Amino acid sequence: MNTIDRRAVLTGTTDRRTVLLGAGALMLAGCSDLIGPSNTTQQLYVLHPTGGAAVAGPKVDFSLAVSTSTSSQHLASARIALVQPNGALDVYADSAWTDRLPTLVQNSLVEAFENSGRIAAVSGDGEGFHADYFLEAEIRDFEAHYDVADGIPTVWVRIAAKLAPTKGREIIANLNSVHQVRATANAVPAVVQAFDQAVGQVFSEIVNWALAAAA
């Protein structure tokens, strides 16, 4: 079992673990409400951002609350989304994130701020803590894009961030962070690794931007 496979929660058989199913076996995900229960067990994957730029810099003395959202139904679930060459939205069969994508992004972004060691306090919005600033991160793209059927996809991650003081909520800064990473193979574990790298790059950009803008 390789390093990528060990990060997965093994709930299926070995042959399902690494095979990317063809378009005929994919469930349509144009609307997340159409995705019903499956008769087969799902392979669960952890979002583990890596590869971001350094976030070293001066410490700040304010606190931050982080919220995430998405206006796209196919990004509101735990399914791992892809875009076929004709632009159709699909998901990887029998594979999913360990939680709803907005929840995973929120928790991971909070951790990215914590790991920077530069901020006094940071938490998810709605946890009941007082914060000086509010960061809204809207997930606009989070899919694996295929140029040709059964080819090697490129992962797209785009998060639009807005920063505002909690008093008045007047937006003081905006950021549209976009990063793309080509997977190393046409296989779900390789696609997840590409997501990890793209998200890590987006998060490091957001952390550096937010800490500088608020300061």
C-alpha atoms as a PDB file:
ATOM      1  CA  MET A   1       0.000   0.000   0.000  1.00  0.00           C
ATOM      2  CA  ASN A   2       1.504   3.348  -0.945  1.00  0.00           C
ATOM      3  CA  THR A   3       1.557   6.549   1.094  1.00  0.00           C
ATOM      4  CA  ILE A   4      -1.547   7.954  -0.542  1.00  0.00           C
ATOM      5  CA  ASP A   5      -3.566   4.819   0.116  1.00  0.00           C
ATOM      6  CA  ARG A   6      -2.752   4.903   3.834  1.00  0.00           C
ATOM      7  CA  ARG A   7      -4.497   8.263   4.164  1.00  0.00           C
ATOM      8  CA  ALA A   8      -7.734   6.727   2.978  1.00  0.00           C
ATOM      9  CA  VAL A   9     -10.196   5.151   5.352  1.00  0.00           C
ATOM     10  CA  LEU A  10     -10.335   1.634   3.991  1.00  0.00           C
ATOM     11  CA  THR A  11     -13.962   0.652   3.760  1.00  0.00           C
ATOM     12  CA  GLY A  12     -13.997  -1.160   0.409  1.00  0.00           C
ATOM     13  CA  THR A  13     -12.112  -3.904  -1.340  1.00  0.00           C
ATOM     14  CA  THR A  14      -8.616  -3.487  -2.762  1.00  0.00           C
ATOM     15  CA  ASP A  15      -9.670  -3.435  -6.404  1.00  0.00           C
ATOM     16  CA  ARG A  16     -12.084  -0.535  -5.792  1.00  0.00           C
ATOM     17  CA  ARG A  17      -9.517   1.457  -3.871  1.00  0.00           C
ATOM     18  CA  THR A  18      -7.457   2.815  -6.738  1.00  0.00           C
ATOM     19  CA  VAL A  19      -9.516   2.404  -9.879  1.00  0.00           C
ATOM     20  CA  LEU A  20     -11.152   5.437 -11.466  1.00  0.00           C
ATOM     21  CA  LEU A  21     -14.366   4.193 -12.978  1.00  0.00           C
ATOM     22  CA  GLY A  22     -15.286   5.178 -16.551  1.00  0.00           C
ATOM     23  CA  ALA A  23     -18.001   7.681 -17.345  1.00  0.00           C
ATOM     24  CA  GLY A  24     -20.583   4.939 -17.759  1.00  0.00           C
ATOM     25  CA  ALA A  25     -20.189   3.892 -14.125  1.00  0.00           C
ATOM     26  CA  LEU A  26     -20.273   7.416 -12.679  1.00  0.00           C
ATOM     27  CA  MET A  27     -23.361   8.782 -10.980  1.00  0.00           C
ATOM     28  CA  LEU A  28     -24.643  12.072 -12.320  1.00  0.00           C
ATOM     29  CA  ALA A  29     -24.001  14.943  -9.933  1.00  0.00           C
ATOM     30  CA  GLY A  30     -25.588  17.935 -11.615  1.00  0.00           C
ATOM     31  CA  CYS A  31     -27.596  18.296  -8.402  1.00  0.00           C
ATOM     32  CA  SER A  32     -26.449  16.760  -5.129  1.00  0.00           C
ATOM     33  CA  ASP A  33     -30.065  15.879  -4.248  1.00  0.00           C
ATOM     34  CA  LEU A  34     -30.053  13.326  -7.083  1.00  0.00           C
ATOM     35  CA  ILE A  35     -27.273  11.313  -5.498  1.00  0.00           C
ATOM     36  CA  GLY A  36     -29.022   8.518  -3.633  1.00  0.00           C
ATOM     37  CA  PRO A  37     -27.690   5.830  -1.290  1.00  0.00           C
ATOM     38  CA  SER A  38     -25.312   3.333  -2.851  1.00  0.00           C
ATOM     39  CA  ASN A  39     -25.422  -0.427  -2.497  1.00  0.00           C
ATOM     40  CA  THR A  40     -21.630  -0.551  -2.276  1.00  0.00           C
ATOM     41  CA  THR A  41     -19.387   0.761   0.467  1.00  0.00           C
ATOM     42  CA  GLN A  42     -17.544   4.027  -0.132  1.00  0.00           C
ATOM     43  CA  GLN A  43     -13.824   4.651   0.052  1.00  0.00           C
ATOM     44  CA  LEU A  44     -13.354   7.731   2.268  1.00  0.00           C
ATOM     45  CA  TYR A  45     -10.512  10.220   1.772  1.00  0.00           C
ATOM     46  CA  VAL A  46      -9.085  12.811   4.153  1.00  0.00           C
ATOM     47  CA  LEU A  47      -8.364  16.338   2.918  1.00  0.00           C
ATOM     48  CA  HIS A  48      -4.761  17.013   3.919  1.00  0.00           C
ATOM     49  CA  PRO A  49      -3.442  20.304   2.426  1.00  0.00           C
ATOM     50  CA  THR A  50       0.257  20.200   1.502  1.00  0.00           C
ATOM     51  CA  GLY A  51       2.758  22.075  -0.585  1.00  0.00           C
ATOM     52  CA  GLY A  52       1.719  25.635   0.199  1.00  0.00           C
ATOM     53  CA  ALA A  53       4.139  28.556   0.252  1.00  0.00           C
ATOM     54  CA  ALA A  54       5.668  29.626   3.545  1.00  0.00           C
ATOM     55  CA  VAL A  55       3.451  31.799   5.741  1.00  0.00           C
ATOM     56  CA  ALA A  56       6.234  33.222   7.893  1.00  0.00           C
ATOM     57  CA  GLY A  57       5.828  36.834   8.951  1.00  0.00           C
ATOM     58  CA  PRO A  58       5.065  39.135  11.875  1.00  0.00           C
ATOM     59  CA  LYS A  59       2.538  38.054  14.481  1.00  0.00           C
ATOM     60  CA  VAL A  60      -0.786  39.854  14.738  1.00  0.00           C
ATOM     61  CA  ASP A  61      -2.744  40.536  17.905  1.00  0.00           C
ATOM     62  CA  PHE A  62      -6.296  40.154  16.574  1.00  0.00           C
ATOM     63  CA  SER A  63      -8.602  37.118  16.484  1.00  0.00           C
ATOM     64  CA  LEU A  64     -10.371  35.663  13.455  1.00  0.00           C
ATOM     65  CA  ALA A  65     -13.561  33.695  12.768  1.00  0.00           C
ATOM     66  CA  VAL A  66     -13.599  31.590   9.574  1.00  0.00           C
ATOM     67  CA  SER A  67     -16.729  30.630   7.656  1.00  0.00           C
ATOM     68  CA  THR A  68     -17.091  28.644   4.425  1.00  0.00           C
ATOM     69  CA  SER A  69     -19.885  28.438   1.876  1.00  0.00           C
ATOM     70  CA  THR A  70     -20.615  27.422  -1.699  1.00  0.00           C
ATOM     71  CA  SER A  71     -23.367  28.315  -4.126  1.00  0.00           C
ATOM     72  CA  SER A  72     -22.801  25.103  -6.107  1.00  0.00           C
ATOM     73  CA  GLN A  73     -24.889  22.139  -5.017  1.00  0.00           C
ATOM     74  CA  HIS A  74     -22.373  19.603  -6.325  1.00  0.00           C
ATOM     75  CA  LEU A  75     -19.742  21.098  -3.971  1.00  0.00           C
ATOM     76  CA  ALA A  76     -21.996  21.060  -0.898  1.00  0.00           C
ATOM     77  CA  SER A  77     -21.782  17.297  -0.344  1.00  0.00           C
ATOM     78  CA  ALA A  78     -19.037  14.830   0.537  1.00  0.00           C
ATOM     79  CA  ARG A  79     -18.758  13.488  -3.013  1.00  0.00           C
ATOM     80  CA  ILE A  80     -15.511  14.063  -4.947  1.00  0.00           C
ATOM     81  CA  ALA A  81     -16.531  16.044  -8.023  1.00  0.00           C
ATOM     82  CA  LEU A  82     -15.178  15.885 -11.572  1.00  0.00           C
ATOM     83  CA  VAL A  83     -15.894  17.599 -14.883  1.00  0.00           C
ATOM     84  CA  GLN A  84     -15.994  15.489 -18.034  1.00  0.00           C
ATOM     85  CA  PRO A  85     -14.531  16.720 -21.362  1.00  0.00           C
ATOM     86  CA  ASN A  86     -17.994  17.825 -22.532  1.00  0.00           C
ATOM     87  CA  GLY A  87     -18.472  19.925 -19.385  1.00  0.00           C
ATOM     88  CA  ALA A  88     -20.820  17.497 -17.629  1.00  0.00           C
ATOM     89  CA  LEU A  89     -20.539  17.257 -13.854  1.00  0.00           C
ATOM     90  CA  ASP A  90     -19.973  13.813 -12.329  1.00  0.00           C
ATOM     91  CA  VAL A  91     -18.565  12.267  -9.156  1.00  0.00           C
ATOM     92  CA  TYR A  92     -16.120   9.449  -8.539  1.00  0.00           C
ATOM     93  CA  ALA A  93     -18.102   6.288  -7.878  1.00  0.00           C
ATOM     94  CA  ASP A  94     -17.732   4.651  -4.452  1.00  0.00           C
ATOM     95  CA  SER A  95     -15.396   7.453  -3.260  1.00  0.00           C
ATOM     96  CA  ALA A  96     -16.026  10.427  -0.974  1.00  0.00           C
ATOM     97  CA  TRP A  97     -14.462  12.899   1.424  1.00  0.00           C
ATOM     98  CA  THR A  98     -14.781  12.154   5.137  1.00  0.00           C
ATOM     99  CA  ASP A  99     -17.264  15.035   5.564  1.00  0.00           C
ATOM    100  CA  ARG A 100     -19.138  17.646   3.563  1.00  0.00           C
ATOM    101  CA  LEU A 101     -16.656  19.698   1.543  1.00  0.00           C
ATOM    102  CA  PRO A 102     -17.488  23.109   3.145  1.00  0.00           C
ATOM    103  CA  THR A 103     -16.930  21.594   6.598  1.00  0.00           C
ATOM    104  CA  LEU A 104     -13.589  20.067   5.559  1.00  0.00           C
ATOM    105  CA  VAL A 105     -12.411  23.341   4.006  1.00  0.00           C
ATOM    106  CA  GLN A 106     -13.421  25.344   7.074  1.00  0.00           C
ATOM    107  CA  ASN A 107     -11.646  23.019   9.510  1.00  0.00           C
ATOM    108  CA  SER A 108      -8.531  22.829   7.347  1.00  0.00           C
ATOM    109  CA  LEU A 109      -8.383  26.609   6.831  1.00  0.00           C
ATOM    110  CA  VAL A 110      -8.672  27.221  10.576  1.00  0.00           C
ATOM    111  CA  GLU A 111      -5.801  24.774  11.057  1.00  0.00           C
ATOM    112  CA  ALA A 112      -3.739  26.583   8.398  1.00  0.00           C
ATOM    113  CA  PHE A 113      -4.057  29.844  10.347  1.00  0.00           C
ATOM    114  CA  GLU A 114      -3.166  28.036  13.584  1.00  0.00           C
ATOM    115  CA  ASN A 115      -0.132  26.385  12.002  1.00  0.00           C
ATOM    116  CA  SER A 116       1.177  29.767  10.849  1.00  0.00           C
ATOM    117  CA  GLY A 117       1.826  30.666  14.492  1.00  0.00           C
ATOM    118  CA  ARG A 118       1.142  34.285  13.621  1.00  0.00           C
ATOM    119  CA  ILE A 119      -2.374  34.911  14.924  1.00  0.00           C
ATOM    120  CA  ALA A 120      -3.604  35.350  18.475  1.00  0.00           C
ATOM    121  CA  ALA A 121      -6.714  33.190  18.074  1.00  0.00           C
ATOM    122  CA  VAL A 122      -8.745  31.650  15.251  1.00  0.00           C
ATOM    123  CA  SER A 123     -11.892  29.526  15.200  1.00  0.00           C
ATOM    124  CA  GLY A 124     -14.721  28.431  12.978  1.00  0.00           C
ATOM    125  CA  ASP A 125     -17.621  30.852  12.750  1.00  0.00           C
ATOM    126  CA  GLY A 126     -20.505  29.707  14.915  1.00  0.00           C
ATOM    127  CA  GLU A 127     -18.371  28.213  17.671  1.00  0.00           C
ATOM    128  CA  GLY A 128     -19.483  30.953  20.059  1.00  0.00           C
ATOM    129  CA  PHE A 129     -16.157  32.772  20.421  1.00  0.00           C
ATOM    130  CA  HIS A 130     -15.721  36.511  20.019  1.00  0.00           C
ATOM    131  CA  ALA A 131     -13.485  37.502  17.106  1.00  0.00           C
ATOM    132  CA  ASP A 132     -12.151  40.821  15.835  1.00  0.00           C
ATOM    133  CA  TYR A 133     -12.384  39.876  12.146  1.00  0.00           C
ATOM    134  CA  PHE A 134     -14.573  37.621  10.022  1.00  0.00           C
ATOM    135  CA  LEU A 135     -13.299  35.694   6.999  1.00  0.00           C
ATOM    136  CA  GLU A 136     -15.816  34.266   4.518  1.00  0.00           C
ATOM    137  CA  ALA A 137     -14.346  31.661   2.144  1.00  0.00           C
ATOM    138  CA  GLU A 138     -16.640  30.753  -0.757  1.00  0.00           C
ATOM    139  CA  ILE A 139     -15.741  27.533  -2.586  1.00  0.00           C
ATOM    140  CA  ARG A 140     -16.297  28.217  -6.282  1.00  0.00           C
ATOM    141  CA  ASP A 141     -14.299  25.394  -7.894  1.00  0.00           C
ATOM    142  CA  PHE A 142     -13.223  22.089  -6.406  1.00  0.00           C
ATOM    143  CA  GLU A 143     -13.253  19.544  -9.225  1.00  0.00           C
ATOM    144  CA  ALA A 144     -10.977  17.284 -11.256  1.00  0.00           C
ATOM    145  CA  HIS A 145     -11.168  18.385 -14.909  1.00  0.00           C
ATOM    146  CA  TYR A 146     -10.711  15.934 -17.773  1.00  0.00           C
ATOM    147  CA  ASP A 147      -9.552  17.169 -21.187  1.00  0.00           C
ATOM    148  CA  VAL A 148     -10.096  13.700 -22.684  1.00  0.00           C
ATOM    149  CA  ALA A 149     -12.113  10.761 -21.421  1.00  0.00           C
ATOM    150  CA  ASP A 150     -10.095   8.450 -19.148  1.00  0.00           C
ATOM    151  CA  GLY A 151      -7.119  10.811 -19.379  1.00  0.00           C
ATOM    152  CA  ILE A 152      -5.131  12.261 -16.472  1.00  0.00           C
ATOM    153  CA  PRO A 153      -7.173  15.087 -14.899  1.00  0.00           C
ATOM    154  CA  THR A 154      -6.135  18.486 -13.601  1.00  0.00           C
ATOM    155  CA  VAL A 155      -7.541  19.548 -10.250  1.00  0.00           C
ATOM    156  CA  TRP A 156      -9.019  23.046 -10.008  1.00  0.00           C
ATOM    157  CA  VAL A 157      -9.436  24.767  -6.639  1.00  0.00           C
ATOM    158  CA  ARG A 158     -10.827  28.300  -6.461  1.00  0.00           C
ATOM    159  CA  ILE A 159     -11.837  30.040  -3.245  1.00  0.00           C
ATOM    160  CA  ALA A 160     -13.102  33.626  -3.095  1.00  0.00           C
ATOM    161  CA  ALA A 161     -12.332  35.176   0.291  1.00  0.00           C
ATOM    162  CA  LYS A 162     -13.756  38.295   1.933  1.00  0.00           C
ATOM    163  CA  LEU A 163     -12.435  39.908   5.097  1.00  0.00           C
ATOM    164  CA  ALA A 164     -14.413  42.204   7.391  1.00  0.00           C
ATOM    165  CA  PRO A 165     -14.348  43.394  11.019  1.00  0.00           C
ATOM    166  CA  THR A 166     -17.038  41.657  13.047  1.00  0.00           C
ATOM    167  CA  LYS A 167     -18.432  45.054  14.083  1.00  0.00           C
ATOM    168  CA  GLY A 168     -20.330  46.381  11.088  1.00  0.00           C
ATOM    169  CA  ARG A 169     -19.141  43.621   8.741  1.00  0.00           C
ATOM    170  CA  GLU A 170     -17.916  46.160   6.173  1.00  0.00           C
ATOM    171  CA  ILE A 171     -15.673  44.280   3.726  1.00  0.00           C
ATOM    172  CA  ILE A 172     -12.143  45.641   3.792  1.00  0.00           C
ATOM    173  CA  ALA A 173     -10.428  43.216   1.393  1.00  0.00           C
ATOM    174  CA  ASN A 174     -11.193  40.580  -1.268  1.00  0.00           C
ATOM    175  CA  LEU A 175      -9.126  37.737  -2.686  1.00  0.00           C
ATOM    176  CA  ASN A 176      -9.817  35.258  -5.484  1.00  0.00           C
ATOM    177  CA  SER A 177      -7.315  32.427  -5.035  1.00  0.00           C
ATOM    178  CA  VAL A 178      -7.055  29.921  -7.906  1.00  0.00           C
ATOM    179  CA  HIS A 179      -4.627  27.013  -8.210  1.00  0.00           C
ATOM    180  CA  GLN A 180      -4.474  24.026 -10.543  1.00  0.00           C
ATOM    181  CA  VAL A 181      -2.469  20.826 -10.077  1.00  0.00           C
ATOM    182  CA  ARG A 182      -2.263  17.978 -12.574  1.00  0.00           C
ATOM    183  CA  ALA A 183      -2.696  14.531 -11.042  1.00  0.00           C
ATOM    184  CA  THR A 184       0.039  11.964 -11.544  1.00  0.00           C
ATOM    185  CA  ALA A 185      -2.391   9.264 -12.673  1.00  0.00           C
ATOM    186  CA  ASN A 186      -6.010   8.609 -13.589  1.00  0.00           C
ATOM    187  CA  ALA A 187      -6.780   7.156 -10.152  1.00  0.00           C
ATOM    188  CA  VAL A 188      -8.703   8.490  -7.170  1.00  0.00           C
ATOM    189  CA  PRO A 189      -5.727   8.473  -4.720  1.00  0.00           C
ATOM    190  CA  ALA A 190      -3.650  10.475  -7.226  1.00  0.00           C
ATOM    191  CA  VAL A 191      -6.531  12.924  -7.701  1.00  0.00           C
ATOM    192  CA  VAL A 192      -6.845  13.346  -3.917  1.00  0.00           C
ATOM    193  CA  GLN A 193      -3.117  14.057  -3.692  1.00  0.00           C
ATOM    194  CA  ALA A 194      -3.509  16.758  -6.362  1.00  0.00           C
ATOM    195  CA  PHE A 195      -6.389  18.274  -4.375  1.00  0.00           C
ATOM    196  CA  ASP A 196      -4.147  18.334  -1.283  1.00  0.00           C
ATOM    197  CA  GLN A 197      -1.459  20.246  -3.164  1.00  0.00           C
ATOM    198  CA  ALA A 198      -3.850  22.739  -4.773  1.00  0.00           C
ATOM    199  CA  VAL A 199      -5.664  23.412  -1.498  1.00  0.00           C
ATOM    200  CA  GLY A 200      -2.354  23.878   0.310  1.00  0.00           C
ATOM    201  CA  GLN A 201      -1.354  26.548  -2.217  1.00  0.00           C
ATOM    202  CA  VAL A 202      -4.718  28.302  -1.915  1.00  0.00           C
ATOM    203  CA  PHE A 203      -4.628  28.241   1.885  1.00  0.00           C
ATOM    204  CA  SER A 204      -1.107  29.682   2.149  1.00  0.00           C
ATOM    205  CA  GLU A 205      -2.169  32.522  -0.145  1.00  0.00           C
ATOM    206  CA  ILE A 206      -5.300  33.194   1.921  1.00  0.00           C
ATOM    207  CA  VAL A 207      -3.423  33.114   5.249  1.00  0.00           C
ATOM    208  CA  ASN A 208      -0.739  35.559   4.101  1.00  0.00           C
ATOM    209  CA  TRP A 209      -3.313  37.862   2.494  1.00  0.00           C
ATOM    210  CA  ALA A 210      -5.724  37.908   5.463  1.00  0.00           C
ATOM    211  CA  LEU A 211      -3.072  38.543   8.091  1.00  0.00           C
ATOM    212  CA  ALA A 212      -1.587  41.392   6.058  1.00  0.00           C
ATOM    213  CA  ALA A 213      -4.940  42.937   5.101  1.00  0.00           C
ATOM    214  CA  ALA A 214      -6.320  42.978   8.628  1.00  0.00           C
ATOM    215  CA  ALA A 215      -3.085  44.275  10.102  1.00  0.00           C
END
